[in-house]
PDB file of N, CA and C in Angstrom:
ATOM      1  N   MET A   1      95.881 101.536 104.470  1.00  0.00           N
ATOM      2  CA  MET A   1      94.888 102.721 105.144  1.00  0.00           C
ATOM      3  C   MET A   1      92.948 101.654 104.579  1.00  0.00           C
ATOM      4  N   PRO A   2      93.136 100.783 103.757  1.00  0.00           N
ATOM      5  CA  PRO A   2      92.002  99.881 103.911  1.00  0.00           C
ATOM      6  C   PRO A   2      91.336  99.883 104.836  1.00  0.00           C
ATOM      7  N   ASN A   3      92.345  99.114 105.563  1.00  0.00           N
ATOM      8  CA  ASN A   3      91.372  99.046 106.445  1.00  0.00           C
ATOM      9  C   ASN A   3      91.902  99.246 107.917  1.00  0.00           C
ATOM     10  N   GLU A   4      92.139 100.707 107.918  1.00  0.00           N
ATOM     11  CA  GLU A   4      92.230 101.152 109.454  1.00  0.00           C
ATOM     12  C   GLU A   4      90.587 102.329 108.880  1.00  0.00           C
ATOM     13  N   THR A   5      90.106 102.984 110.243  1.00  0.00           N
ATOM     14  CA  THR A   5      89.217 103.602 110.428  1.00  0.00           C
ATOM     15  C   THR A   5      89.329 105.371 109.047  1.00  0.00           C
ATOM     16  N   PRO A   6      88.260 105.310 108.560  1.00  0.00           N
ATOM     17  CA  PRO A   6      88.537 106.192 107.506  1.00  0.00           C
ATOM     18  C   PRO A   6      88.860 107.899 108.087  1.00  0.00           C
ATOM     19  N   VAL A   7      89.180 108.370 107.969  1.00  0.00           N
ATOM     20  CA  VAL A   7      89.433 109.878 108.283  1.00  0.00           C
ATOM     21  C   VAL A   7      89.057 110.778 106.883  1.00  0.00           C
ATOM     22  N   LEU A   8      89.783 110.867 106.368  1.00  0.00           N
ATOM     23  CA  LEU A   8      89.269 111.515 105.030  1.00  0.00           C
ATOM     24  C   LEU A   8      88.422 111.388 104.149  1.00  0.00           C
ATOM     25  N   LEU A   9      87.719 111.842 104.088  1.00  0.00           N
ATOM     26  CA  LEU A   9      86.161 111.684 102.477  1.00  0.00           C
ATOM     27  C   LEU A   9      86.690 110.812 101.764  1.00  0.00           C
ATOM     28  N   HIS A  10      87.782 110.750 100.702  1.00  0.00           N
ATOM     29  CA  HIS A  10      88.350 110.067 100.004  1.00  0.00           C
ATOM     30  C   HIS A  10      88.630 108.699 100.381  1.00  0.00           C
ATOM     31  N   GLU A  11      89.162 108.190 101.134  1.00  0.00           N
ATOM     32  CA  GLU A  11      89.519 106.901 102.158  1.00  0.00           C
ATOM     33  C   GLU A  11      88.273 105.815 102.033  1.00  0.00           C
ATOM     34  N   LYS A  12      86.676 106.857 102.009  1.00  0.00           N
ATOM     35  CA  LYS A  12      85.515 105.848 102.292  1.00  0.00           C
ATOM     36  C   LYS A  12      85.213 105.453 100.191  1.00  0.00           C
ATOM     37  N   LEU A  13      85.902 105.731  99.548  1.00  0.00           N
ATOM     38  CA  LEU A  13      85.388 105.481  98.692  1.00  0.00           C
ATOM     39  C   LEU A  13      86.165 103.834  98.072  1.00  0.00           C
ATOM     40  N   ILE A  14      85.627 103.181  97.759  1.00  0.00           N
ATOM     41  CA  ILE A  14      86.296 102.211  97.192  1.00  0.00           C
ATOM     42  C   ILE A  14      87.062 102.569  96.363  1.00  0.00           C
ATOM     43  N   ALA A  15      87.001 103.166  95.209  1.00  0.00           N
ATOM     44  CA  ALA A  15      88.297 103.388  94.490  1.00  0.00           C
ATOM     45  C   ALA A  15      89.172 103.585  94.493  1.00  0.00           C
ATOM     46  N   TRP A  16      88.999 104.723  95.770  1.00  0.00           N
ATOM     47  CA  TRP A  16      90.422 104.431  96.250  1.00  0.00           C
ATOM     48  C   TRP A  16      91.271 103.649  97.086  1.00  0.00           C
ATOM     49  N   GLN A  17      90.368 102.836  97.839  1.00  0.00           N
ATOM     50  CA  GLN A  17      91.006 101.416  98.719  1.00  0.00           C
ATOM     51  C   GLN A  17      91.590 100.617  97.356  1.00  0.00           C
ATOM     52  N   VAL A  18      90.744 100.270  96.386  1.00  0.00           N
ATOM     53  CA  VAL A  18      91.193  99.012  94.935  1.00  0.00           C
ATOM     54  C   VAL A  18      92.631 100.431  94.631  1.00  0.00           C
ATOM     55  N   ALA A  19      92.421 101.635  94.351  1.00  0.00           N
ATOM     56  CA  ALA A  19      93.673 101.710  93.360  1.00  0.00           C
ATOM     57  C   ALA A  19      94.896 101.749  94.487  1.00  0.00           C
ATOM     58  N   CYS A  20      94.707 102.017  96.172  1.00  0.00           N
ATOM     59  CA  CYS A  20      95.809 101.823  97.238  1.00  0.00           C
ATOM     60  C   CYS A  20      96.495 100.272  96.541  1.00  0.00           C
ATOM     61  N   GLU A  21      95.211  99.661  96.519  1.00  0.00           N
ATOM     62  CA  GLU A  21      95.869  98.139  96.768  1.00  0.00           C
ATOM     63  C   GLU A  21      96.957  97.947  95.475  1.00  0.00           C
ATOM     64  N   LEU A  22      96.166  98.829  94.232  1.00  0.00           N
ATOM     65  CA  LEU A  22      96.940  98.326  93.073  1.00  0.00           C
ATOM     66  C   LEU A  22      98.476  99.198  93.173  1.00  0.00           C
ATOM     67  N   LEU A  23      98.673 100.188  93.991  1.00  0.00           N
ATOM     68  CA  LEU A  23      99.847 100.818  94.200  1.00  0.00           C
ATOM     69  C   LEU A  23     100.348 100.066  94.925  1.00  0.00           C
ATOM     70  N   ARG A  24     100.097  98.813  96.328  1.00  0.00           N
ATOM     71  CA  ARG A  24     100.948  97.772  96.683  1.00  0.00           C
ATOM     72  C   ARG A  24     101.231  96.693  95.552  1.00  0.00           C
ATOM     73  N   VAL A  25     100.461  96.479  94.677  1.00  0.00           N
ATOM     74  CA  VAL A  25     100.905  95.629  93.945  1.00  0.00           C
ATOM     75  C   VAL A  25     102.138  95.784  92.806  1.00  0.00           C
ATOM     76  N   VAL A  26     102.164  96.747  92.239  1.00  0.00           N
ATOM     77  CA  VAL A  26     103.076  97.663  91.523  1.00  0.00           C
ATOM     78  C   VAL A  26     104.492  97.831  91.874  1.00  0.00           C
ATOM     79  N   ARG A  27     104.362  98.104  93.575  1.00  0.00           N
ATOM     80  CA  ARG A  27     105.399  98.024  94.276  1.00  0.00           C
ATOM     81  C   ARG A  27     106.144  96.718  94.859  1.00  0.00           C
ATOM     82  N   ASN A  28     105.322  95.747  94.705  1.00  0.00           N
ATOM     83  CA  ASN A  28     106.047  94.528  95.037  1.00  0.00           C
ATOM     84  C   ASN A  28     105.998  93.425  93.968  1.00  0.00           C
ATOM     85  N   ALA A  29     105.993  94.165  92.746  1.00  0.00           N
ATOM     86  CA  ALA A  29     105.931  93.211  91.231  1.00  0.00           C
ATOM     87  C   ALA A  29     107.418  92.910  90.842  1.00  0.00           C
ATOM     88  N   GLY A  30     108.673  93.708  91.528  1.00  0.00           N
ATOM     89  CA  GLY A  30     109.808  93.638  91.174  1.00  0.00           C
ATOM     90  C   GLY A  30     110.132  93.880  89.947  1.00  0.00           C
ATOM     91  N   ILE A  31     109.307  94.788  89.393  1.00  0.00           N
ATOM     92  CA  ILE A  31     110.249  95.171  87.737  1.00  0.00           C
ATOM     93  C   ILE A  31     111.675  95.209  88.105  1.00  0.00           C
ATOM     94  N   ARG A  32     111.876  94.415  87.012  1.00  0.00           N
ATOM     95  CA  ARG A  32     114.022  94.905  87.044  1.00  0.00           C
ATOM     96  C   ARG A  32     114.088  96.126  86.088  1.00  0.00           C
ATOM     97  N   ASP A  33     113.288  96.745  85.237  1.00  0.00           N
ATOM     98  CA  ASP A  33     113.860  97.753  84.737  1.00  0.00           C
ATOM     99  C   ASP A  33     113.625  99.190  85.408  1.00  0.00           C
ATOM    100  N   PRO A  34     114.658 100.254  85.925  1.00  0.00           N
ATOM    101  CA  PRO A  34     113.899 100.863  86.737  1.00  0.00           C
ATOM    102  C   PRO A  34     113.515 102.027  86.345  1.00  0.00           C
ATOM    103  N   LYS A  35     113.593 102.499  84.662  1.00  0.00           N
ATOM    104  CA  LYS A  35     112.588 103.069  84.144  1.00  0.00           C
ATOM    105  C   LYS A  35     110.882 102.793  83.884  1.00  0.00           C
ATOM    106  N   LEU A  36     110.603 101.678  83.734  1.00  0.00           N
ATOM    107  CA  LEU A  36     109.279 101.289  83.624  1.00  0.00           C
ATOM    108  C   LEU A  36     108.860 100.803  85.534  1.00  0.00           C
ATOM    109  N   ARG A  37     109.655 100.425  86.021  1.00  0.00           N
ATOM    110  CA  ARG A  37     109.154 101.116  87.434  1.00  0.00           C
ATOM    111  C   ARG A  37     108.790 102.297  87.846  1.00  0.00           C
ATOM    112  N   ASP A  38     109.665 103.208  87.723  1.00  0.00           N
ATOM    113  CA  ASP A  38     109.208 104.355  88.331  1.00  0.00           C
ATOM    114  C   ASP A  38     108.210 104.788  87.304  1.00  0.00           C
ATOM    115  N   GLN A  39     108.159 104.838  85.939  1.00  0.00           N
ATOM    116  CA  GLN A  39     106.730 104.970  85.351  1.00  0.00           C
ATOM    117  C   GLN A  39     105.497 104.296  86.402  1.00  0.00           C
ATOM    118  N   ALA A  40     105.458 103.249  85.796  1.00  0.00           N
ATOM    119  CA  ALA A  40     104.790 102.373  87.395  1.00  0.00           C
ATOM    120  C   ALA A  40     103.668 102.854  88.262  1.00  0.00           C
ATOM    121  N   MET A  41     105.057 102.773  89.255  1.00  0.00           N
ATOM    122  CA  MET A  41     104.926 103.673  90.396  1.00  0.00           C
ATOM    123  C   MET A  41     104.352 104.536  90.742  1.00  0.00           C
ATOM    124  N   ARG A  42     104.648 105.748  89.348  1.00  0.00           N
ATOM    125  CA  ARG A  42     104.190 107.153  89.570  1.00  0.00           C
ATOM    126  C   ARG A  42     102.871 106.887  88.587  1.00  0.00           C
ATOM    127  N   ALA A  43     102.308 106.379  88.125  1.00  0.00           N
ATOM    128  CA  ALA A  43     100.736 106.272  87.910  1.00  0.00           C
ATOM    129  C   ALA A  43      99.782 105.817  88.526  1.00  0.00           C
ATOM    130  N   ALA A  44     100.621 104.499  89.383  1.00  0.00           N
ATOM    131  CA  ALA A  44      99.475 103.984  90.523  1.00  0.00           C
ATOM    132  C   ALA A  44      99.584 105.183  91.569  1.00  0.00           C
ATOM    133  N   GLN A  45     100.802 106.191  91.911  1.00  0.00           N
ATOM    134  CA  GLN A  45     100.657 107.028  93.045  1.00  0.00           C
ATOM    135  C   GLN A  45      99.170 108.106  92.386  1.00  0.00           C
ATOM    136  N   SER A  46     100.084 108.599  91.369  1.00  0.00           N
ATOM    137  CA  SER A  46      98.842 109.451  90.836  1.00  0.00           C
ATOM    138  C   SER A  46      97.338 109.092  90.852  1.00  0.00           C
ATOM    139  N   ALA A  47      97.577 107.923  90.305  1.00  0.00           N
ATOM    140  CA  ALA A  47      95.678 107.325  90.665  1.00  0.00           C
ATOM    141  C   ALA A  47      95.602 107.639  92.081  1.00  0.00           C
ATOM    142  N   CYS A  48      95.721 107.079  93.108  1.00  0.00           N
ATOM    143  CA  CYS A  48      95.563 106.932  94.187  1.00  0.00           C
ATOM    144  C   CYS A  48      95.158 108.686  94.699  1.00  0.00           C
ATOM    145  N   LEU A  49      96.754 109.913  94.374  1.00  0.00           N
ATOM    146  CA  LEU A  49      96.368 111.098  94.517  1.00  0.00           C
ATOM    147  C   LEU A  49      94.986 112.072  93.641  1.00  0.00           C
ATOM    148  N   ASN A  50      94.979 111.580  92.775  1.00  0.00           N
ATOM    149  CA  ASN A  50      94.058 112.175  91.756  1.00  0.00           C
ATOM    150  C   ASN A  50      92.645 111.464  92.400  1.00  0.00           C
ATOM    151  N   ILE A  51      92.541 110.447  92.655  1.00  0.00           N
ATOM    152  CA  ILE A  51      90.786 109.895  93.385  1.00  0.00           C
ATOM    153  C   ILE A  51      90.747 111.168  94.876  1.00  0.00           C
ATOM    154  N   ALA A  52      92.004 111.389  95.447  1.00  0.00           N
ATOM    155  CA  ALA A  52      91.931 111.518  96.936  1.00  0.00           C
ATOM    156  C   ALA A  52      91.084 113.383  96.189  1.00  0.00           C
ATOM    157  N   GLU A  53      92.298 114.149  94.931  1.00  0.00           N
ATOM    158  CA  GLU A  53      91.610 115.622  94.586  1.00  0.00           C
ATOM    159  C   GLU A  53      90.899 115.894  94.655  1.00  0.00           C
ATOM    160  N   ALA A  54      90.301 114.639  93.300  1.00  0.00           N
ATOM    161  CA  ALA A  54      88.466 115.013  93.096  1.00  0.00           C
ATOM    162  C   ALA A  54      87.871 115.336  94.082  1.00  0.00           C
ATOM    163  N   ASN A  55      87.933 113.772  94.736  1.00  0.00           N
ATOM    164  CA  ASN A  55      86.635 113.890  96.072  1.00  0.00           C
ATOM    165  C   ASN A  55      86.732 114.805  97.129  1.00  0.00           C
ATOM    166  N   GLY A  56      87.965 116.284  96.651  1.00  0.00           N
ATOM    167  CA  GLY A  56      87.963 117.374  98.025  1.00  0.00           C
ATOM    168  C   GLY A  56      87.249 118.494  96.765  1.00  0.00           C
ATOM    169  N   ARG A  57      87.371 118.004  95.382  1.00  0.00           N
ATOM    170  CA  ARG A  57      86.409 119.038  94.081  1.00  0.00           C
ATOM    171  C   ARG A  57      85.213 119.834  94.956  1.00  0.00           C
ATOM    172  N   VAL A  58      84.518 120.782  94.645  1.00  0.00           N
ATOM    173  CA  VAL A  58      83.736 121.090  95.031  1.00  0.00           C
ATOM    174  C   VAL A  58      82.340 120.967  93.682  1.00  0.00           C
ATOM    175  N   ALA A  59      83.019 121.407  92.355  1.00  0.00           N
ATOM    176  CA  ALA A  59      82.501 121.912  91.210  1.00  0.00           C
ATOM    177  C   ALA A  59      82.146 120.253  90.484  1.00  0.00           C
ATOM    178  N   PRO A  60      81.232 119.695  90.317  1.00  0.00           N
ATOM    179  CA  PRO A  60      80.486 118.370  89.862  1.00  0.00           C
ATOM    180  C   PRO A  60      81.488 117.942  88.346  1.00  0.00           C
ATOM    181  N   ALA A  61      81.917 118.961  87.864  1.00  0.00           N
ATOM    182  CA  ALA A  61      82.282 119.459  86.482  1.00  0.00           C
ATOM    183  C   ALA A  61      83.803 118.446  86.798  1.00  0.00           C
ATOM    184  N   ASP A  62      84.424 119.647  87.671  1.00  0.00           N
ATOM    185  CA  ASP A  62      85.992 119.359  87.845  1.00  0.00           C
ATOM    186  C   ASP A  62      86.125 118.147  88.685  1.00  0.00           C
ATOM    187  N   ARG A  63      85.467 117.556  89.592  1.00  0.00           N
ATOM    188  CA  ARG A  63      85.144 116.248  90.037  1.00  0.00           C
ATOM    189  C   ARG A  63      85.393 115.145  89.161  1.00  0.00           C
ATOM    190  N   ARG A  64      84.548 115.427  88.184  1.00  0.00           N
ATOM    191  CA  ARG A  64      84.236 114.376  87.055  1.00  0.00           C
ATOM    192  C   ARG A  64      85.731 114.305  86.009  1.00  0.00           C
ATOM    193  N   ARG A  65      86.553 115.387  86.156  1.00  0.00           N
ATOM    194  CA  ARG A  65      87.511 115.889  85.139  1.00  0.00           C
ATOM    195  C   ARG A  65      88.354 115.088  85.817  1.00  0.00           C
ATOM    196  N   VAL A  66      89.008 115.121  87.031  1.00  0.00           N
ATOM    197  CA  VAL A  66      89.623 114.597  88.082  1.00  0.00           C
ATOM    198  C   VAL A  66      89.695 113.196  88.010  1.00  0.00           C
ATOM    199  N   PHE A  67      88.959 112.530  88.480  1.00  0.00           N
ATOM    200  CA  PHE A  67      88.671 110.954  87.961  1.00  0.00           C
ATOM    201  C   PHE A  67      88.910 110.249  87.227  1.00  0.00           C
ATOM    202  N   ALA A  68      88.285 111.664  85.732  1.00  0.00           N
ATOM    203  CA  ALA A  68      89.380 111.079  84.606  1.00  0.00           C
ATOM    204  C   ALA A  68      90.320 110.639  84.678  1.00  0.00           C
ATOM    205  N   ILE A  69      90.831 111.578  85.294  1.00  0.00           N
ATOM    206  CA  ILE A  69      92.928 111.981  85.193  1.00  0.00           C
ATOM    207  C   ILE A  69      92.992 110.291  85.675  1.00  0.00           C
ATOM    208  N   ALA A  70      92.416 109.991  86.948  1.00  0.00           N
ATOM    209  CA  ALA A  70      92.518 108.806  87.551  1.00  0.00           C
ATOM    210  C   ALA A  70      92.696 107.857  87.033  1.00  0.00           C
ATOM    211  N   ARG A  71      91.541 107.552  86.613  1.00  0.00           N
ATOM    212  CA  ARG A  71      91.212 106.289  85.770  1.00  0.00           C
ATOM    213  C   ARG A  71      92.198 106.334  84.417  1.00  0.00           C
ATOM    214  N   GLY A  72      92.705 107.521  84.286  1.00  0.00           N
ATOM    215  CA  GLY A  72      93.909 106.799  82.997  1.00  0.00           C
ATOM    216  C   GLY A  72      94.837 106.469  84.128  1.00  0.00           C
ATOM    217  N   GLU A  73      95.566 107.264  85.127  1.00  0.00           N
ATOM    218  CA  GLU A  73      96.573 107.175  85.682  1.00  0.00           C
ATOM    219  C   GLU A  73      96.431 105.145  86.285  1.00  0.00           C
ATOM    220  N   ALA A  74      95.253 105.009  86.399  1.00  0.00           N
ATOM    221  CA  ALA A  74      94.910 103.640  87.047  1.00  0.00           C
ATOM    222  C   ALA A  74      95.676 102.265  85.636  1.00  0.00           C
ATOM    223  N   THR A  75      95.057 102.942  84.901  1.00  0.00           N
ATOM    224  CA  THR A  75      95.079 101.812  83.328  1.00  0.00           C
ATOM    225  C   THR A  75      96.682 101.973  82.986  1.00  0.00           C
ATOM    226  N   GLU A  76      97.239 103.029  83.485  1.00  0.00           N
ATOM    227  CA  GLU A  76      98.614 102.947  82.494  1.00  0.00           C
ATOM    228  C   GLU A  76      99.392 102.420  83.910  1.00  0.00           C
ATOM    229  N   ALA A  77      99.032 102.257  84.787  1.00  0.00           N
ATOM    230  CA  ALA A  77     100.029 101.607  86.642  1.00  0.00           C
ATOM    231  C   ALA A  77      99.498  99.946  85.659  1.00  0.00           C
ATOM    232  N   ALA A  78      98.361  99.479  85.457  1.00  0.00           N
ATOM    233  CA  ALA A  78      98.206  98.019  85.137  1.00  0.00           C
ATOM    234  C   ALA A  78      98.832  97.843  83.946  1.00  0.00           C
ATOM    235  N   ALA A  79      99.073  98.556  83.325  1.00  0.00           N
ATOM    236  CA  ALA A  79      99.402  98.342  81.347  1.00  0.00           C
ATOM    237  C   ALA A  79     100.747  98.443  81.875  1.00  0.00           C
ATOM    238  N   ALA A  80     101.580  99.012  82.443  1.00  0.00           N
ATOM    239  CA  ALA A  80     102.941  99.225  82.998  1.00  0.00           C
ATOM    240  C   ALA A  80     104.056  97.423  83.145  1.00  0.00           C
ATOM    241  N   VAL A  81     103.163  97.267  84.038  1.00  0.00           N
ATOM    242  CA  VAL A  81     103.007  96.155  84.885  1.00  0.00           C
ATOM    243  C   VAL A  81     102.926  95.046  84.074  1.00  0.00           C
ATOM    244  N   GLN A  82     101.716  94.983  83.179  1.00  0.00           N
ATOM    245  CA  GLN A  82     102.080  94.158  81.939  1.00  0.00           C
ATOM    246  C   GLN A  82     102.790  94.062  80.933  1.00  0.00           C
ATOM    247  N   ILE A  83     103.615  95.283  80.816  1.00  0.00           N
ATOM    248  CA  ILE A  83     104.524  95.052  79.412  1.00  0.00           C
ATOM    249  C   ILE A  83     105.538  94.501  80.420  1.00  0.00           C
ATOM    250  N   ALA A  84     105.934  94.906  81.237  1.00  0.00           N
ATOM    251  CA  ALA A  84     107.078  94.223  82.809  1.00  0.00           C
ATOM    252  C   ALA A  84     106.945  92.775  82.573  1.00  0.00           C
ATOM    253  N   ALA A  85     105.903  92.319  82.668  1.00  0.00           N
ATOM    254  CA  ALA A  85     105.872  91.002  82.749  1.00  0.00           C
ATOM    255  C   ALA A  85     106.174  90.612  80.812  1.00  0.00           C
ATOM    256  N   MET A  86     105.293  90.866  80.140  1.00  0.00           N
ATOM    257  CA  MET A  86     105.867  90.478  78.598  1.00  0.00           C
ATOM    258  C   MET A  86     107.061  90.766  77.984  1.00  0.00           C
ATOM    259  N   SER A  87     107.810  91.432  78.862  1.00  0.00           N
ATOM    260  CA  SER A  87     109.380  91.840  78.664  1.00  0.00           C
ATOM    261  C   SER A  87     110.082  91.026  79.512  1.00  0.00           C
ATOM    262  N   GLY A  88     109.620  90.042  79.881  1.00  0.00           N
ATOM    263  CA  GLY A  88     110.362  89.196  81.026  1.00  0.00           C
ATOM    264  C   GLY A  88     110.896  89.823  82.341  1.00  0.00           C
ATOM    265  N   GLN A  89     110.722  91.284  82.633  1.00  0.00           N
ATOM    266  CA  GLN A  89     110.756  92.375  83.889  1.00  0.00           C
ATOM    267  C   GLN A  89     110.026  91.996  85.308  1.00  0.00           C
ATOM    268  N   CYS A  90     109.024  90.863  84.911  1.00  0.00           N
ATOM    269  CA  CYS A  90     108.445  90.947  85.970  1.00  0.00           C
ATOM    270  C   CYS A  90     107.816  89.445  86.057  1.00  0.00           C
ATOM    271  N   ALA A  91     107.044  88.791  87.386  1.00  0.00           N
ATOM    272  CA  ALA A  91     106.018  87.889  87.227  1.00  0.00           C
ATOM    273  C   ALA A  91     104.484  88.329  86.416  1.00  0.00           C
ATOM    274  N   GLU A  92     104.340  87.272  85.750  1.00  0.00           N
ATOM    275  CA  GLU A  92     102.934  87.338  85.144  1.00  0.00           C
ATOM    276  C   GLU A  92     101.810  87.509  86.115  1.00  0.00           C
ATOM    277  N   SER A  93     102.088  86.339  87.106  1.00  0.00           N
ATOM    278  CA  SER A  93     101.028  86.866  88.193  1.00  0.00           C
ATOM    279  C   SER A  93     100.976  88.270  88.868  1.00  0.00           C
ATOM    280  N   ALA A  94     102.283  88.938  88.812  1.00  0.00           N
ATOM    281  CA  ALA A  94     102.158  90.386  89.313  1.00  0.00           C
ATOM    282  C   ALA A  94     101.044  91.017  88.357  1.00  0.00           C
ATOM    283  N   ALA A  95     101.318  90.835  86.583  1.00  0.00           N
ATOM    284  CA  ALA A  95     100.524  91.861  85.892  1.00  0.00           C
ATOM    285  C   ALA A  95      99.044  90.821  85.675  1.00  0.00           C
ATOM    286  N   ASN A  96      98.832  90.098  86.406  1.00  0.00           N
ATOM    287  CA  ASN A  96      97.633  89.393  86.266  1.00  0.00           C
ATOM    288  C   ASN A  96      96.815  90.475  87.004  1.00  0.00           C
ATOM    289  N   GLU A  97      97.628  90.378  88.711  1.00  0.00           N
ATOM    290  CA  GLU A  97      96.683  91.133  89.904  1.00  0.00           C
ATOM    291  C   GLU A  97      96.270  92.635  89.296  1.00  0.00           C
ATOM    292  N   ALA A  98      97.643  93.322  88.892  1.00  0.00           N
ATOM    293  CA  ALA A  98      97.416  94.553  88.325  1.00  0.00           C
ATOM    294  C   ALA A  98      96.439  95.237  87.346  1.00  0.00           C
ATOM    295  N   ARG A  99      96.820  93.985  86.347  1.00  0.00           N
ATOM    296  CA  ARG A  99      95.449  94.115  85.263  1.00  0.00           C
ATOM    297  C   ARG A  99      93.993  93.992  85.965  1.00  0.00           C
ATOM    298  N   ARG A 100      93.451  93.297  86.573  1.00  0.00           N
ATOM    299  CA  ARG A 100      92.962  92.945  87.998  1.00  0.00           C
ATOM    300  C   ARG A 100      92.189  94.280  88.637  1.00  0.00           C
ATOM    301  N   LEU A 101      92.918  94.824  89.311  1.00  0.00           N
ATOM    302  CA  LEU A 101      93.146  95.760  90.189  1.00  0.00           C
ATOM    303  C   LEU A 101      92.681  97.386  89.338  1.00  0.00           C
ATOM    304  N   GLY A 102      93.883  97.293  88.277  1.00  0.00           N
ATOM    305  CA  GLY A 102      93.787  98.242  87.629  1.00  0.00           C
ATOM    306  C   GLY A 102      92.025  98.396  86.830  1.00  0.00           C
ATOM    307  N   GLY A 103      91.631  96.748  86.428  1.00  0.00           N
ATOM    308  CA  GLY A 103      89.942  97.137  85.842  1.00  0.00           C
ATOM    309  C   GLY A 103      89.335  97.741  85.990  1.00  0.00           C
ATOM    310  N   ARG A 104      89.137  96.732  87.844  1.00  0.00           N
ATOM    311  CA  ARG A 104      88.635  97.318  88.877  1.00  0.00           C
ATOM    312  C   ARG A 104      88.543  98.600  89.536  1.00  0.00           C
ATOM    313  N   THR A 105      89.314  99.697  89.038  1.00  0.00           N
ATOM    314  CA  THR A 105      89.481 100.918  89.868  1.00  0.00           C
ATOM    315  C   THR A 105      88.997 101.562  88.517  1.00  0.00           C
ATOM    316  N   ALA A 106      89.007 101.294  87.347  1.00  0.00           N
ATOM    317  CA  ALA A 106      88.697 101.952  86.164  1.00  0.00           C
ATOM    318  C   ALA A 106      87.323 102.043  86.019  1.00  0.00           C
ATOM    319  N   ALA A 107      87.035 100.691  86.242  1.00  0.00           N
ATOM    320  CA  ALA A 107      85.562 100.447  86.334  1.00  0.00           C
ATOM    321  C   ALA A 107      84.636 101.571  87.802  1.00  0.00           C
ATOM    322  N   LEU A 108      85.506 101.232  88.688  1.00  0.00           N
ATOM    323  CA  LEU A 108      84.748 101.892  89.923  1.00  0.00           C
ATOM    324  C   LEU A 108      84.771 103.867  89.640  1.00  0.00           C
ATOM    325  N   LEU A 109      85.970 103.847  88.629  1.00  0.00           N
ATOM    326  CA  LEU A 109      85.497 105.549  88.519  1.00  0.00           C
ATOM    327  C   LEU A 109      84.776 105.650  87.598  1.00  0.00           C
ATOM    328  N   SER A 110      84.814 104.919  86.707  1.00  0.00           N
ATOM    329  CA  SER A 110      83.617 105.340  85.308  1.00  0.00           C
ATOM    330  C   SER A 110      82.248 105.833  86.354  1.00  0.00           C
ATOM    331  N   GLY A 111      81.769 104.953  87.355  1.00  0.00           N
ATOM    332  CA  GLY A 111      81.063 105.289  87.873  1.00  0.00           C
ATOM    333  C   GLY A 111      80.588 106.256  88.605  1.00  0.00           C
ATOM    334  N   LEU A 112      82.025 107.136  89.369  1.00  0.00           N
ATOM    335  CA  LEU A 112      81.996 108.035  89.902  1.00  0.00           C
ATOM    336  C   LEU A 112      81.973 109.648  88.742  1.00  0.00           C
ATOM    337  N   ILE A 113      81.910 109.234  87.607  1.00  0.00           N
ATOM    338  CA  ILE A 113      82.212 110.032  86.811  1.00  0.00           C
ATOM    339  C   ILE A 113      81.116 110.386  86.146  1.00  0.00           C
ATOM    340  N   ARG A 114      79.861 109.264  86.003  1.00  0.00           N
ATOM    341  CA  ARG A 114      78.566 109.538  85.652  1.00  0.00           C
ATOM    342  C   ARG A 114      77.907 111.168  86.253  1.00  0.00           C
TER     343      ARG A 114
END
């Protein structure tokens, strides 16, 4: 979706675009443990959904709260792929990419929370 013309306001946010890339990396990581794969996918999906939700909120404090939740979910998704790699459940390259995108998503969201 980052390459498409933005339609909804959250699609213009770089944080949302990077979180979508994180979701793709998690999906393609090939985590063999089904429970860890499910947890990683749910966290990555939740990060994207919470960014969209936060951007639709009107009250500034409410927006910040939901962006903070998204930051935690992005961090969890990246950590799940890292743990999968450490336990031999996926490639180290997938973990490195998830870590990079998770960190970037968290940093961008920190800017939106301030």
